[in-house]
Structures are given as structure tokens and as C-alpha cells.
């Protein structure tokens, strides 16, 4: 459920990358794939914060906790608990 909400966020906000986002596996590291630039990553952080009502620290991003749909889901769950 969370992964699908994240995928929807990506599709709705990055229309030029819809085809890639739709094919993205849950484990695929989209940072290593260079799918998003640094400004887009910040946008993703803000969208996730807003969607799930959580706070994401710079260290979370730097430590790779938001590099895939699966990692984002795990991160969101840990923040909600």
C-alpha cells in the first residue's frame, strides 16, 4: 500500500519519467540509476513528508534510506511507529 502511494507520487509529479517509474522494481535503487537529479530528490522528500506526515532528515537521505520504493516504505513504517 505505501509503495503504491509512493509510486503514484512519483508518477504524478514527474510526468517525463512515468514509463521508467511504472517499470521500477520495488528494490531498484533509483539514485544509482540516476533517475532523479538532486533537486528532484529534494522534491520527493518534501512530497513524502507531506503525504505521510513525517519528518525526513538530511542524514536519512545521505544514508540511502530513500533510494528505492522498498526502502522508502520501510522508512515510513519506522517513522510512523
C-alpha atoms as a PDB file:
ATOM      1  CA  UNK A   1       0.000   0.000   0.000  1.00  0.00           C
ATOM      2  CA  UNK A   2       2.709   2.505   0.958  1.00  0.00           C
ATOM      3  CA  UNK A   3       4.824   1.573  -2.076  1.00  0.00           C
ATOM      4  CA  UNK A   4       1.871   2.175  -4.372  1.00  0.00           C
ATOM      5  CA  UNK A   5       1.251   5.585  -2.808  1.00  0.00           C
ATOM      6  CA  UNK A   6       4.922   6.446  -3.339  1.00  0.00           C
ATOM      7  CA  UNK A   7       4.828   5.233  -6.935  1.00  0.00           C
ATOM      8  CA  UNK A   8       1.713   7.365  -7.507  1.00  0.00           C
ATOM      9  CA  UNK A   9       3.525  10.402  -6.059  1.00  0.00           C
ATOM     10  CA  UNK A  10       6.413   9.844  -8.466  1.00  0.00           C
ATOM     11  CA  UNK A  11       4.153   9.327 -11.486  1.00  0.00           C
ATOM     12  CA  UNK A  12       2.012  12.366 -10.679  1.00  0.00           C
ATOM     13  CA  UNK A  13       4.928  14.717 -10.076  1.00  0.00           C
ATOM     14  CA  UNK A  14       7.498  13.582 -12.641  1.00  0.00           C
ATOM     15  CA  UNK A  15       5.483  13.141 -15.813  1.00  0.00           C
ATOM     16  CA  UNK A  16       8.571  12.889 -18.020  1.00  0.00           C
ATOM     17  CA  UNK A  17       9.649   9.760 -16.147  1.00  0.00           C
ATOM     18  CA  UNK A  18       6.319   7.916 -15.967  1.00  0.00           C
ATOM     19  CA  UNK A  19       7.404   4.962 -18.116  1.00  0.00           C
ATOM     20  CA  UNK A  20      10.509   4.328 -16.020  1.00  0.00           C
ATOM     21  CA  UNK A  21       8.706   4.777 -12.691  1.00  0.00           C
ATOM     22  CA  UNK A  22       5.979   2.333 -13.733  1.00  0.00           C
ATOM     23  CA  UNK A  23       8.627  -0.308 -14.580  1.00  0.00           C
ATOM     24  CA  UNK A  24      10.721   0.372 -11.480  1.00  0.00           C
ATOM     25  CA  UNK A  25      11.027  -2.677  -9.248  1.00  0.00           C
ATOM     26  CA  UNK A  26      10.453  -2.214  -5.529  1.00  0.00           C
ATOM     27  CA  UNK A  27      14.129  -2.907  -4.773  1.00  0.00           C
ATOM     28  CA  UNK A  28      15.689  -0.947  -7.645  1.00  0.00           C
ATOM     29  CA  UNK A  29      17.937   1.897  -6.474  1.00  0.00           C
ATOM     30  CA  UNK A  30      16.716   4.926  -8.417  1.00  0.00           C
ATOM     31  CA  UNK A  31      19.552   7.067  -7.055  1.00  0.00           C
ATOM     32  CA  UNK A  32      22.207   4.766  -8.540  1.00  0.00           C
ATOM     33  CA  UNK A  33      20.140   4.631 -11.736  1.00  0.00           C
ATOM     34  CA  UNK A  34      20.335   8.465 -11.845  1.00  0.00           C
ATOM     35  CA  UNK A  35      16.594   8.619 -12.448  1.00  0.00           C
ATOM     36  CA  UNK A  36      16.241  11.804 -10.390  1.00  0.00           C
ATOM     37  CA  UNK A  37      18.597  14.755 -10.041  1.00  0.00           C
ATOM     38  CA  UNK A  38      19.336  16.397  -6.689  1.00  0.00           C
ATOM     39  CA  UNK A  39      16.503  18.930  -6.997  1.00  0.00           C
ATOM     40  CA  UNK A  40      14.029  16.181  -7.813  1.00  0.00           C
ATOM     41  CA  UNK A  41      15.226  14.155  -4.817  1.00  0.00           C
ATOM     42  CA  UNK A  42      14.510  17.116  -2.546  1.00  0.00           C
ATOM     43  CA  UNK A  43      11.066  17.402  -4.126  1.00  0.00           C
ATOM     44  CA  UNK A  44      10.486  13.694  -3.438  1.00  0.00           C
ATOM     45  CA  UNK A  45      11.497  14.197   0.198  1.00  0.00           C
ATOM     46  CA  UNK A  46       9.036  17.073   0.584  1.00  0.00           C
ATOM     47  CA  UNK A  47       6.240  15.117  -1.096  1.00  0.00           C
ATOM     48  CA  UNK A  48       6.830  12.087   1.139  1.00  0.00           C
ATOM     49  CA  UNK A  49       6.902  14.279   4.248  1.00  0.00           C
ATOM     50  CA  UNK A  50       3.592  15.830   3.233  1.00  0.00           C
ATOM     51  CA  UNK A  51       1.904  12.584   2.166  1.00  0.00           C
ATOM     52  CA  UNK A  52       2.816  10.599   5.268  1.00  0.00           C
ATOM     53  CA  UNK A  53       3.105  13.368   7.885  1.00  0.00           C
ATOM     54  CA  UNK A  54       6.710  12.554   8.757  1.00  0.00           C
ATOM     55  CA  UNK A  55       9.960  14.498   9.016  1.00  0.00           C
ATOM     56  CA  UNK A  56      12.934  13.380   6.926  1.00  0.00           C
ATOM     57  CA  UNK A  57      16.398  14.477   7.993  1.00  0.00           C
ATOM     58  CA  UNK A  58      19.309  15.094   5.623  1.00  0.00           C
ATOM     59  CA  UNK A  59      21.109  12.152   7.250  1.00  0.00           C
ATOM     60  CA  UNK A  60      18.248   9.848   6.214  1.00  0.00           C
ATOM     61  CA  UNK A  61      18.727  10.823   2.601  1.00  0.00           C
ATOM     62  CA  UNK A  62      22.526  10.642   2.806  1.00  0.00           C
ATOM     63  CA  UNK A  63      22.403   7.156   4.348  1.00  0.00           C
ATOM     64  CA  UNK A  64      20.419   5.754   1.440  1.00  0.00           C
ATOM     65  CA  UNK A  65      17.193   5.201   3.349  1.00  0.00           C
ATOM     66  CA  UNK A  66      15.156   6.644   0.490  1.00  0.00           C
ATOM     67  CA  UNK A  67      16.833   5.059  -2.535  1.00  0.00           C
ATOM     68  CA  UNK A  68      14.105   2.615  -3.547  1.00  0.00           C
ATOM     69  CA  UNK A  69      10.392   2.108  -3.134  1.00  0.00           C
ATOM     70  CA  UNK A  70      11.028  -0.693  -0.660  1.00  0.00           C
ATOM     71  CA  UNK A  71      13.450   1.393   1.429  1.00  0.00           C
ATOM     72  CA  UNK A  72      11.059   4.332   1.471  1.00  0.00           C
ATOM     73  CA  UNK A  73       8.248   2.053   2.619  1.00  0.00           C
ATOM     74  CA  UNK A  74      10.397   0.632   5.432  1.00  0.00           C
ATOM     75  CA  UNK A  75      11.463   4.148   6.413  1.00  0.00           C
ATOM     76  CA  UNK A  76       7.884   5.461   6.504  1.00  0.00           C
ATOM     77  CA  UNK A  77       6.767   2.493   8.617  1.00  0.00           C
ATOM     78  CA  UNK A  78       9.642   3.056  11.070  1.00  0.00           C
ATOM     79  CA  UNK A  79       8.782   6.765  11.381  1.00  0.00           C
ATOM     80  CA  UNK A  80       5.106   6.019  11.963  1.00  0.00           C
ATOM     81  CA  UNK A  81       5.847   3.571  14.821  1.00  0.00           C
END
